[in-house]
């Protein structure tokens, strides 16, 4: 009887520990669609200003969208190029999300949008990473984001943005 109580208690403690471990280290995705500068790019038909690559994204928990748009020709291992999207291609961004990895604390901001793909003959949902946390922040506030020229822009975003 004592052994059964001890084993039950140990099982409960283990389940609580694993639950706390999971909730403290799981990734966090937050909708930031209403924040500047993202809200200015949403729900409008935008035209690409430069050639970009549409690629099949890695499958997994952290990449729920099957496709991504990028200007970087050096794709990570496992990401496969589908086609080069020419300048002047129409696209629409529907929302913006901030993805934070709780294990290493890195954050990335993603615009989620739609574009017509000729080679697939259909409209696909993609993610586009836009904005980086400034690495030159040595004094508070350290959460300043900078935004290079997006694929629909000629100039980078001016000003300071504090996205949380």
N, C-alpha and C. Protein backbone atom coordinates (compact mmCIF):
# COMPACT_ATOMS: atom_id res chain seq x y z
N UNK A 1 0.82 -1.19 0.00
CA UNK A 1 0.00 0.00 0.00
C UNK A 1 0.87 1.26 0.00
N UNK A 2 1.94 1.27 0.84
CA UNK A 2 2.84 2.42 0.90
C UNK A 2 3.53 2.62 -0.44
N UNK A 3 3.92 1.52 -1.08
CA UNK A 3 4.60 1.61 -2.37
C UNK A 3 3.68 2.23 -3.42
N UNK A 4 2.41 1.90 -3.39
CA UNK A 4 1.45 2.45 -4.34
C UNK A 4 1.29 3.95 -4.12
N UNK A 5 1.25 4.39 -2.88
CA UNK A 5 1.13 5.82 -2.57
C UNK A 5 2.39 6.56 -3.01
N UNK A 6 3.55 5.99 -2.75
CA UNK A 6 4.81 6.62 -3.13
C UNK A 6 4.91 6.73 -4.66
N UNK A 7 4.56 5.66 -5.37
CA UNK A 7 4.60 5.70 -6.83
C UNK A 7 3.60 6.71 -7.41
N UNK A 8 2.42 6.79 -6.83
CA UNK A 8 1.42 7.76 -7.27
C UNK A 8 1.93 9.19 -7.05
N UNK A 9 2.50 9.44 -5.88
CA UNK A 9 3.05 10.75 -5.55
C UNK A 9 4.18 11.11 -6.52
N UNK A 10 5.09 10.17 -6.77
CA UNK A 10 6.20 10.42 -7.70
C UNK A 10 5.68 10.69 -9.11
N UNK A 11 4.65 9.97 -9.53
CA UNK A 11 4.05 10.20 -10.85
C UNK A 11 3.44 11.58 -10.97
N UNK A 12 2.76 12.03 -9.93
CA UNK A 12 2.15 13.36 -9.93
C UNK A 12 3.22 14.44 -9.97
N UNK A 13 4.26 14.29 -9.15
CA UNK A 13 5.36 15.26 -9.14
C UNK A 13 6.03 15.31 -10.51
N UNK A 14 6.25 14.17 -11.13
CA UNK A 14 6.88 14.12 -12.45
C UNK A 14 6.00 14.81 -13.49
N UNK A 15 4.70 14.58 -13.46
CA UNK A 15 3.78 15.22 -14.41
C UNK A 15 3.76 16.74 -14.23
N UNK A 16 3.74 17.20 -12.98
CA UNK A 16 3.77 18.64 -12.72
C UNK A 16 5.08 19.24 -13.22
N UNK A 17 6.19 18.58 -12.96
CA UNK A 17 7.50 19.06 -13.42
C UNK A 17 7.55 19.13 -14.94
N UNK A 18 7.11 18.09 -15.63
CA UNK A 18 7.12 18.09 -17.09
C UNK A 18 6.18 19.15 -17.66
N UNK A 19 5.03 19.35 -17.03
CA UNK A 19 4.10 20.40 -17.47
C UNK A 19 4.72 21.78 -17.34
N UNK A 20 5.34 22.06 -16.21
CA UNK A 20 6.01 23.35 -16.01
C UNK A 20 7.15 23.54 -17.00
N UNK A 21 7.90 22.50 -17.23
CA UNK A 21 9.01 22.54 -18.18
C UNK A 21 8.50 22.87 -19.58
N UNK A 22 7.42 22.21 -19.99
CA UNK A 22 6.84 22.45 -21.31
C UNK A 22 6.37 23.91 -21.44
N UNK A 23 5.60 24.40 -20.47
CA UNK A 23 5.04 25.74 -20.57
C UNK A 23 6.11 26.83 -20.46
N UNK A 24 7.19 26.56 -19.77
CA UNK A 24 8.24 27.58 -19.66
C UNK A 24 9.14 27.63 -20.88
N UNK A 25 9.25 26.55 -21.63
CA UNK A 25 10.16 26.52 -22.79
C UNK A 25 9.47 26.48 -24.15
N UNK A 26 8.16 26.46 -24.18
CA UNK A 26 7.49 26.40 -25.48
C UNK A 26 7.61 27.75 -26.19
N UNK A 27 7.55 27.71 -27.48
CA UNK A 27 7.64 28.93 -28.28
C UNK A 27 6.36 29.73 -28.15
N UNK A 28 6.50 31.02 -28.34
CA UNK A 28 5.38 31.93 -28.19
C UNK A 28 5.17 32.68 -29.50
N UNK A 29 3.94 32.73 -29.98
CA UNK A 29 3.61 33.50 -31.17
C UNK A 29 2.54 34.51 -30.78
N UNK A 30 2.84 35.78 -31.08
CA UNK A 30 1.95 36.88 -30.70
C UNK A 30 1.55 37.65 -31.95
N UNK A 31 0.28 37.98 -32.07
CA UNK A 31 -0.21 38.77 -33.20
C UNK A 31 0.18 40.23 -32.97
N UNK A 32 0.92 40.81 -33.92
CA UNK A 32 1.36 42.20 -33.83
C UNK A 32 0.84 43.02 -35.01
N UNK A 33 -0.25 42.58 -35.59
CA UNK A 33 -0.80 43.23 -36.78
C UNK A 33 -1.17 44.69 -36.56
N UNK A 34 -1.54 45.06 -35.36
CA UNK A 34 -1.95 46.44 -35.08
C UNK A 34 -0.81 47.37 -34.76
N UNK A 35 0.40 46.87 -34.70
CA UNK A 35 1.55 47.70 -34.31
C UNK A 35 2.24 48.30 -35.53
N UNK A 36 2.86 49.45 -35.29
CA UNK A 36 3.67 50.07 -36.35
C UNK A 36 4.98 49.32 -36.45
N UNK A 37 5.56 49.22 -37.60
CA UNK A 37 5.16 49.66 -38.93
C UNK A 37 4.34 48.60 -39.69
N UNK A 38 4.03 47.49 -39.04
CA UNK A 38 3.35 46.38 -39.72
C UNK A 38 1.98 46.77 -40.26
N UNK A 39 1.22 47.51 -39.46
CA UNK A 39 -0.17 47.79 -39.84
C UNK A 39 -0.28 48.57 -41.14
N UNK A 40 0.79 49.29 -41.51
CA UNK A 40 0.76 50.07 -42.75
C UNK A 40 0.92 49.18 -43.99
N UNK A 41 1.39 47.96 -43.81
CA UNK A 41 1.60 47.06 -44.95
C UNK A 41 0.48 46.04 -45.11
N UNK A 42 -0.45 46.00 -44.18
CA UNK A 42 -1.47 44.95 -44.19
C UNK A 42 -2.71 45.33 -45.01
N UNK A 43 -3.31 44.30 -45.60
CA UNK A 43 -4.60 44.40 -46.30
C UNK A 43 -4.57 45.36 -47.49
N UNK A 44 -3.42 45.48 -48.12
CA UNK A 44 -3.28 46.30 -49.32
C UNK A 44 -2.61 45.45 -50.39
N UNK A 45 -2.94 45.72 -51.65
CA UNK A 45 -2.22 45.06 -52.73
C UNK A 45 -0.91 45.80 -52.92
N UNK A 46 0.19 45.10 -52.68
CA UNK A 46 1.53 45.68 -52.81
C UNK A 46 2.24 45.00 -53.97
N UNK A 47 3.17 45.71 -54.58
CA UNK A 47 3.96 45.17 -55.69
C UNK A 47 5.39 44.95 -55.24
N UNK A 48 5.96 43.81 -55.62
CA UNK A 48 7.37 43.57 -55.29
C UNK A 48 8.23 44.56 -56.09
N UNK A 49 9.26 45.09 -55.45
CA UNK A 49 10.16 46.04 -56.10
C UNK A 49 11.41 45.36 -56.65
N UNK A 50 11.71 44.18 -56.13
CA UNK A 50 12.91 43.44 -56.54
C UNK A 50 12.55 41.98 -56.77
N UNK A 51 13.46 41.25 -57.40
CA UNK A 51 13.25 39.81 -57.53
C UNK A 51 13.35 39.18 -56.15
N UNK A 52 12.43 38.26 -55.88
CA UNK A 52 12.47 37.52 -54.62
C UNK A 52 12.28 36.04 -54.93
N UNK A 53 12.63 35.23 -53.97
CA UNK A 53 12.54 33.79 -54.15
C UNK A 53 11.37 33.26 -53.34
N UNK A 54 10.52 32.49 -53.99
CA UNK A 54 9.49 31.74 -53.29
C UNK A 54 10.07 30.36 -53.06
N UNK A 55 10.05 29.92 -51.81
CA UNK A 55 10.64 28.62 -51.47
C UNK A 55 9.67 27.83 -50.61
N UNK A 56 9.83 26.50 -50.68
CA UNK A 56 9.05 25.62 -49.80
C UNK A 56 9.74 25.62 -48.45
N UNK A 57 8.98 25.98 -47.43
CA UNK A 57 9.50 26.11 -46.08
C UNK A 57 9.77 24.75 -45.45
N UNK A 58 10.58 24.74 -44.42
CA UNK A 58 10.78 23.52 -43.64
C UNK A 58 9.48 23.15 -42.96
N UNK A 59 9.20 21.88 -42.86
CA UNK A 59 8.00 21.48 -42.13
C UNK A 59 8.37 21.31 -40.67
N UNK A 60 7.43 21.61 -39.80
CA UNK A 60 7.71 21.46 -38.38
C UNK A 60 6.79 22.33 -37.55
N UNK A 61 7.04 22.32 -36.26
CA UNK A 61 6.19 23.05 -35.33
C UNK A 61 6.33 24.56 -35.47
N UNK A 62 7.50 25.05 -35.84
CA UNK A 62 7.76 26.48 -35.83
C UNK A 62 7.53 27.13 -37.18
N UNK A 63 7.21 26.36 -38.19
CA UNK A 63 6.98 26.91 -39.52
C UNK A 63 5.66 26.37 -40.06
N UNK A 64 4.55 26.91 -39.57
CA UNK A 64 3.26 26.38 -39.99
C UNK A 64 2.91 26.71 -41.44
N UNK A 65 3.56 27.71 -42.04
CA UNK A 65 3.27 28.05 -43.42
C UNK A 65 4.19 27.29 -44.35
N UNK A 66 3.62 26.78 -45.42
CA UNK A 66 4.35 25.90 -46.32
C UNK A 66 5.37 26.65 -47.18
N UNK A 67 5.15 27.95 -47.40
CA UNK A 67 6.03 28.71 -48.30
C UNK A 67 6.60 29.94 -47.60
N UNK A 68 7.72 30.42 -48.13
CA UNK A 68 8.30 31.67 -47.65
C UNK A 68 8.82 32.47 -48.83
N UNK A 69 8.85 33.79 -48.65
CA UNK A 69 9.45 34.69 -49.63
C UNK A 69 10.72 35.25 -49.00
N UNK A 70 11.78 35.31 -49.78
CA UNK A 70 13.04 35.83 -49.28
C UNK A 70 13.84 36.45 -50.41
N UNK A 71 14.68 37.41 -50.07
CA UNK A 71 15.61 37.98 -51.05
C UNK A 71 16.95 37.26 -51.00
N UNK A 72 17.17 36.51 -49.94
CA UNK A 72 18.44 35.82 -49.73
C UNK A 72 18.50 34.56 -50.59
N UNK A 73 19.47 34.49 -51.47
CA UNK A 73 19.59 33.31 -52.35
C UNK A 73 20.22 32.13 -51.62
N UNK A 74 20.79 32.36 -50.44
CA UNK A 74 21.40 31.27 -49.68
C UNK A 74 20.33 30.67 -48.76
N UNK A 75 19.62 29.71 -49.26
CA UNK A 75 18.55 29.08 -48.50
C UNK A 75 19.13 28.06 -47.53
N UNK A 76 18.51 27.95 -46.37
CA UNK A 76 18.94 26.97 -45.38
C UNK A 76 18.73 25.56 -45.91
N UNK A 77 19.46 24.63 -45.32
CA UNK A 77 19.34 23.24 -45.74
C UNK A 77 17.91 22.75 -45.54
N UNK A 78 17.37 22.10 -46.53
CA UNK A 78 16.01 21.58 -46.47
C UNK A 78 14.97 22.50 -47.06
N UNK A 79 15.34 23.76 -47.33
CA UNK A 79 14.41 24.70 -47.95
C UNK A 79 14.66 24.68 -49.44
N UNK A 80 13.61 24.45 -50.22
CA UNK A 80 13.74 24.26 -51.66
C UNK A 80 13.11 25.42 -52.43
N UNK A 81 13.87 25.98 -53.37
CA UNK A 81 13.36 27.08 -54.20
C UNK A 81 12.28 26.57 -55.14
N UNK A 82 11.16 27.32 -55.21
CA UNK A 82 10.07 26.98 -56.12
C UNK A 82 10.19 27.80 -57.41
N UNK A 83 10.31 29.11 -57.25
CA UNK A 83 10.46 29.98 -58.42
C UNK A 83 10.94 31.35 -57.99
N UNK A 84 11.46 32.11 -58.96
CA UNK A 84 11.84 33.49 -58.72
C UNK A 84 10.63 34.36 -59.06
N UNK A 85 10.23 35.17 -58.09
CA UNK A 85 9.08 36.06 -58.27
C UNK A 85 9.61 37.38 -58.82
N UNK A 86 9.15 37.79 -60.01
CA UNK A 86 9.69 39.00 -60.64
C UNK A 86 9.19 40.29 -59.99
N UNK A 87 9.92 41.40 -60.20
CA UNK A 87 9.42 42.70 -59.73
C UNK A 87 8.06 42.99 -60.36
N UNK A 88 7.21 43.68 -59.61
CA UNK A 88 5.88 44.02 -60.11
C UNK A 88 4.82 42.98 -59.80
N UNK A 89 5.18 41.92 -59.09
CA UNK A 89 4.21 40.88 -58.72
C UNK A 89 3.34 41.38 -57.57
N UNK A 90 2.04 41.18 -57.68
CA UNK A 90 1.11 41.60 -56.63
C UNK A 90 1.12 40.61 -55.47
N UNK A 91 1.04 41.15 -54.26
CA UNK A 91 0.94 40.33 -53.05
C UNK A 91 0.13 41.11 -52.03
N UNK A 92 -0.43 40.39 -51.08
CA UNK A 92 -1.21 41.00 -50.01
C UNK A 92 -0.75 40.38 -48.69
N UNK A 93 -0.42 41.23 -47.71
CA UNK A 93 -0.11 40.75 -46.36
C UNK A 93 -1.38 40.82 -45.53
N UNK A 94 -1.71 39.72 -44.86
CA UNK A 94 -2.93 39.63 -44.07
C UNK A 94 -2.71 39.88 -42.58
N UNK A 95 -1.55 39.51 -42.07
CA UNK A 95 -1.28 39.72 -40.64
C UNK A 95 0.21 39.68 -40.36
N UNK A 96 0.56 40.11 -39.16
CA UNK A 96 1.95 40.09 -38.72
C UNK A 96 2.01 39.37 -37.37
N UNK A 97 3.03 38.55 -37.18
CA UNK A 97 3.21 37.83 -35.93
C UNK A 97 4.65 37.94 -35.45
N UNK A 98 4.80 37.91 -34.15
CA UNK A 98 6.13 37.87 -33.52
C UNK A 98 6.30 36.47 -32.96
N UNK A 99 7.33 35.80 -33.41
CA UNK A 99 7.62 34.44 -32.96
C UNK A 99 8.83 34.51 -32.04
N UNK A 100 8.67 34.08 -30.79
CA UNK A 100 9.76 34.08 -29.82
C UNK A 100 10.08 32.66 -29.41
N UNK A 101 11.33 32.29 -29.56
CA UNK A 101 11.80 30.97 -29.15
C UNK A 101 12.17 31.06 -27.68
N UNK A 102 11.45 30.35 -26.82
CA UNK A 102 11.69 30.44 -25.37
C UNK A 102 12.99 29.76 -24.95
N UNK A 103 13.53 28.88 -25.79
CA UNK A 103 14.76 28.21 -25.42
C UNK A 103 15.95 29.16 -25.49
N UNK A 104 16.07 29.89 -26.61
CA UNK A 104 17.22 30.78 -26.75
C UNK A 104 16.83 32.25 -26.72
N UNK A 105 15.54 32.58 -26.67
CA UNK A 105 15.09 33.95 -26.53
C UNK A 105 15.08 34.76 -27.82
N UNK A 106 15.42 34.15 -28.94
CA UNK A 106 15.44 34.88 -30.20
C UNK A 106 14.02 35.16 -30.68
N UNK A 107 13.83 36.35 -31.24
CA UNK A 107 12.53 36.73 -31.78
C UNK A 107 12.66 37.03 -33.25
N UNK A 108 11.61 36.72 -34.01
CA UNK A 108 11.54 37.10 -35.41
C UNK A 108 10.14 37.59 -35.70
N UNK A 109 10.08 38.62 -36.52
CA UNK A 109 8.77 39.14 -36.89
C UNK A 109 8.48 38.69 -38.32
N UNK A 110 7.28 38.20 -38.51
CA UNK A 110 6.89 37.64 -39.80
C UNK A 110 5.62 38.31 -40.31
N UNK A 111 5.62 38.65 -41.58
CA UNK A 111 4.42 39.07 -42.27
C UNK A 111 3.86 37.85 -42.98
N UNK A 112 2.58 37.60 -42.81
CA UNK A 112 1.92 36.46 -43.44
C UNK A 112 1.08 37.01 -44.59
N UNK A 113 1.32 36.50 -45.79
CA UNK A 113 0.62 37.05 -46.94
C UNK A 113 0.26 36.02 -47.99
N UNK A 114 -0.26 36.52 -49.12
CA UNK A 114 -0.67 35.67 -50.22
C UNK A 114 -0.09 36.21 -51.52
N UNK A 115 0.29 35.28 -52.42
CA UNK A 115 0.81 35.65 -53.73
C UNK A 115 0.43 34.56 -54.72
N UNK A 116 0.19 34.96 -55.98
CA UNK A 116 -0.11 34.00 -57.04
C UNK A 116 1.20 33.44 -57.58
N UNK A 117 1.27 32.10 -57.68
CA UNK A 117 2.49 31.43 -58.14
C UNK A 117 2.18 30.79 -59.49
N UNK A 118 2.88 31.26 -60.52
CA UNK A 118 2.63 30.77 -61.88
C UNK A 118 2.93 29.29 -62.01
N UNK A 119 4.08 28.86 -61.49
CA UNK A 119 4.47 27.46 -61.69
C UNK A 119 3.53 26.48 -60.99
N UNK A 120 2.88 26.92 -59.92
CA UNK A 120 1.92 26.06 -59.21
C UNK A 120 0.48 26.33 -59.67
N UNK A 121 0.28 27.41 -60.40
CA UNK A 121 -1.02 27.83 -60.89
C UNK A 121 -2.04 27.96 -59.76
N UNK A 122 -1.59 28.60 -58.67
CA UNK A 122 -2.50 28.84 -57.55
C UNK A 122 -1.94 29.94 -56.65
N UNK A 123 -2.81 30.45 -55.79
CA UNK A 123 -2.40 31.43 -54.79
C UNK A 123 -1.90 30.66 -53.57
N UNK A 124 -0.76 31.08 -53.02
CA UNK A 124 -0.21 30.39 -51.85
C UNK A 124 -0.05 31.39 -50.70
N UNK A 125 -0.15 30.88 -49.50
CA UNK A 125 0.11 31.65 -48.29
C UNK A 125 1.59 31.50 -47.96
N UNK A 126 2.25 32.62 -47.66
CA UNK A 126 3.68 32.59 -47.38
C UNK A 126 3.99 33.41 -46.13
N UNK A 127 5.20 33.24 -45.64
CA UNK A 127 5.70 34.10 -44.58
C UNK A 127 6.91 34.87 -45.11
N UNK A 128 7.06 36.09 -44.63
CA UNK A 128 8.18 36.94 -45.02
C UNK A 128 8.75 37.56 -43.75
N UNK A 129 10.00 37.29 -43.47
CA UNK A 129 10.63 37.82 -42.26
C UNK A 129 11.06 39.25 -42.52
N UNK A 130 10.56 40.17 -41.67
CA UNK A 130 10.85 41.59 -41.86
C UNK A 130 11.11 42.23 -40.51
N UNK A 131 12.27 42.83 -40.38
CA UNK A 131 12.66 43.51 -39.15
C UNK A 131 13.62 42.68 -38.33
N UNK A 132 14.56 43.38 -37.70
CA UNK A 132 15.52 42.70 -36.83
C UNK A 132 15.69 43.51 -35.56
N UNK A 133 15.94 42.82 -34.49
CA UNK A 133 16.23 43.46 -33.22
C UNK A 133 17.60 44.11 -33.34
N UNK A 134 17.71 45.39 -33.02
CA UNK A 134 18.97 46.11 -33.16
C UNK A 134 20.02 45.53 -32.23
N UNK A 135 21.16 45.22 -32.78
CA UNK A 135 22.25 44.64 -31.99
C UNK A 135 23.12 45.72 -31.34
N UNK A 136 22.83 46.99 -31.61
CA UNK A 136 23.65 48.07 -31.06
C UNK A 136 23.06 48.66 -29.80
N UNK A 137 21.98 48.09 -29.32
CA UNK A 137 21.33 48.61 -28.11
C UNK A 137 22.13 48.20 -26.88
N UNK A 138 22.78 49.16 -26.25
CA UNK A 138 23.54 48.87 -25.04
C UNK A 138 22.90 49.50 -23.82
N UNK A 139 21.98 50.42 -24.02
CA UNK A 139 21.28 51.06 -22.92
C UNK A 139 19.78 50.88 -23.11
N UNK A 140 19.05 50.85 -22.03
CA UNK A 140 17.60 50.69 -22.17
C UNK A 140 17.01 51.84 -22.98
N UNK A 141 15.96 51.65 -23.74
CA UNK A 141 15.31 50.37 -23.97
C UNK A 141 16.06 49.54 -25.00
N UNK A 142 16.20 48.26 -24.73
CA UNK A 142 16.99 47.37 -25.60
C UNK A 142 16.13 46.63 -26.61
N UNK A 143 14.88 46.92 -26.67
CA UNK A 143 14.00 46.19 -27.58
C UNK A 143 13.66 47.01 -28.83
N UNK A 144 14.65 47.73 -29.36
CA UNK A 144 14.45 48.57 -30.54
C UNK A 144 14.63 47.73 -31.79
N UNK A 145 13.66 47.82 -32.69
CA UNK A 145 13.68 47.06 -33.94
C UNK A 145 13.99 48.00 -35.10
N UNK A 146 14.74 47.50 -36.06
CA UNK A 146 15.03 48.24 -37.29
C UNK A 146 14.45 47.45 -38.46
N UNK A 147 14.03 48.18 -39.49
CA UNK A 147 13.35 47.56 -40.61
C UNK A 147 14.02 47.96 -41.91
N UNK A 148 14.72 47.02 -42.54
CA UNK A 148 15.30 47.31 -43.86
C UNK A 148 14.17 47.48 -44.87
N UNK A 149 14.52 47.93 -46.06
CA UNK A 149 13.49 48.08 -47.09
C UNK A 149 12.85 46.72 -47.35
N UNK A 150 11.54 46.66 -47.19
CA UNK A 150 10.80 45.43 -47.48
C UNK A 150 10.78 45.19 -48.98
N UNK A 151 10.34 44.04 -49.38
CA UNK A 151 10.36 43.70 -50.81
C UNK A 151 9.39 44.55 -51.62
N UNK A 152 8.55 45.33 -50.97
CA UNK A 152 7.61 46.23 -51.63
C UNK A 152 8.06 47.70 -51.50
N UNK A 153 9.20 47.96 -50.86
CA UNK A 153 9.66 49.31 -50.57
C UNK A 153 10.97 49.62 -51.29
N UNK A 154 11.17 50.93 -51.55
CA UNK A 154 12.45 51.39 -52.10
C UNK A 154 13.41 51.81 -51.00
N UNK A 155 12.87 52.29 -49.89
CA UNK A 155 13.67 52.80 -48.77
C UNK A 155 13.34 52.05 -47.49
N UNK A 156 14.32 51.93 -46.58
CA UNK A 156 14.02 51.29 -45.28
C UNK A 156 13.05 52.15 -44.46
N UNK A 157 12.41 51.54 -43.49
CA UNK A 157 11.52 52.26 -42.58
C UNK A 157 12.35 53.22 -41.74
N UNK A 158 11.90 54.45 -41.69
CA UNK A 158 12.58 55.45 -40.84
C UNK A 158 11.97 55.39 -39.44
N UNK A 159 12.73 55.81 -38.46
CA UNK A 159 12.22 55.88 -37.11
C UNK A 159 12.59 54.66 -36.28
N UNK A 160 12.25 54.77 -35.00
CA UNK A 160 12.51 53.69 -34.06
C UNK A 160 11.19 53.02 -33.71
N UNK A 161 11.25 51.71 -33.62
CA UNK A 161 10.05 50.94 -33.29
C UNK A 161 10.38 50.01 -32.13
N UNK A 162 9.47 49.96 -31.18
CA UNK A 162 9.65 49.11 -30.02
C UNK A 162 8.51 48.10 -30.01
N UNK A 163 8.77 46.95 -30.56
CA UNK A 163 7.75 45.91 -30.71
C UNK A 163 7.89 44.93 -29.57
N UNK A 164 6.82 44.75 -28.81
CA UNK A 164 6.85 43.79 -27.70
C UNK A 164 5.78 42.77 -27.88
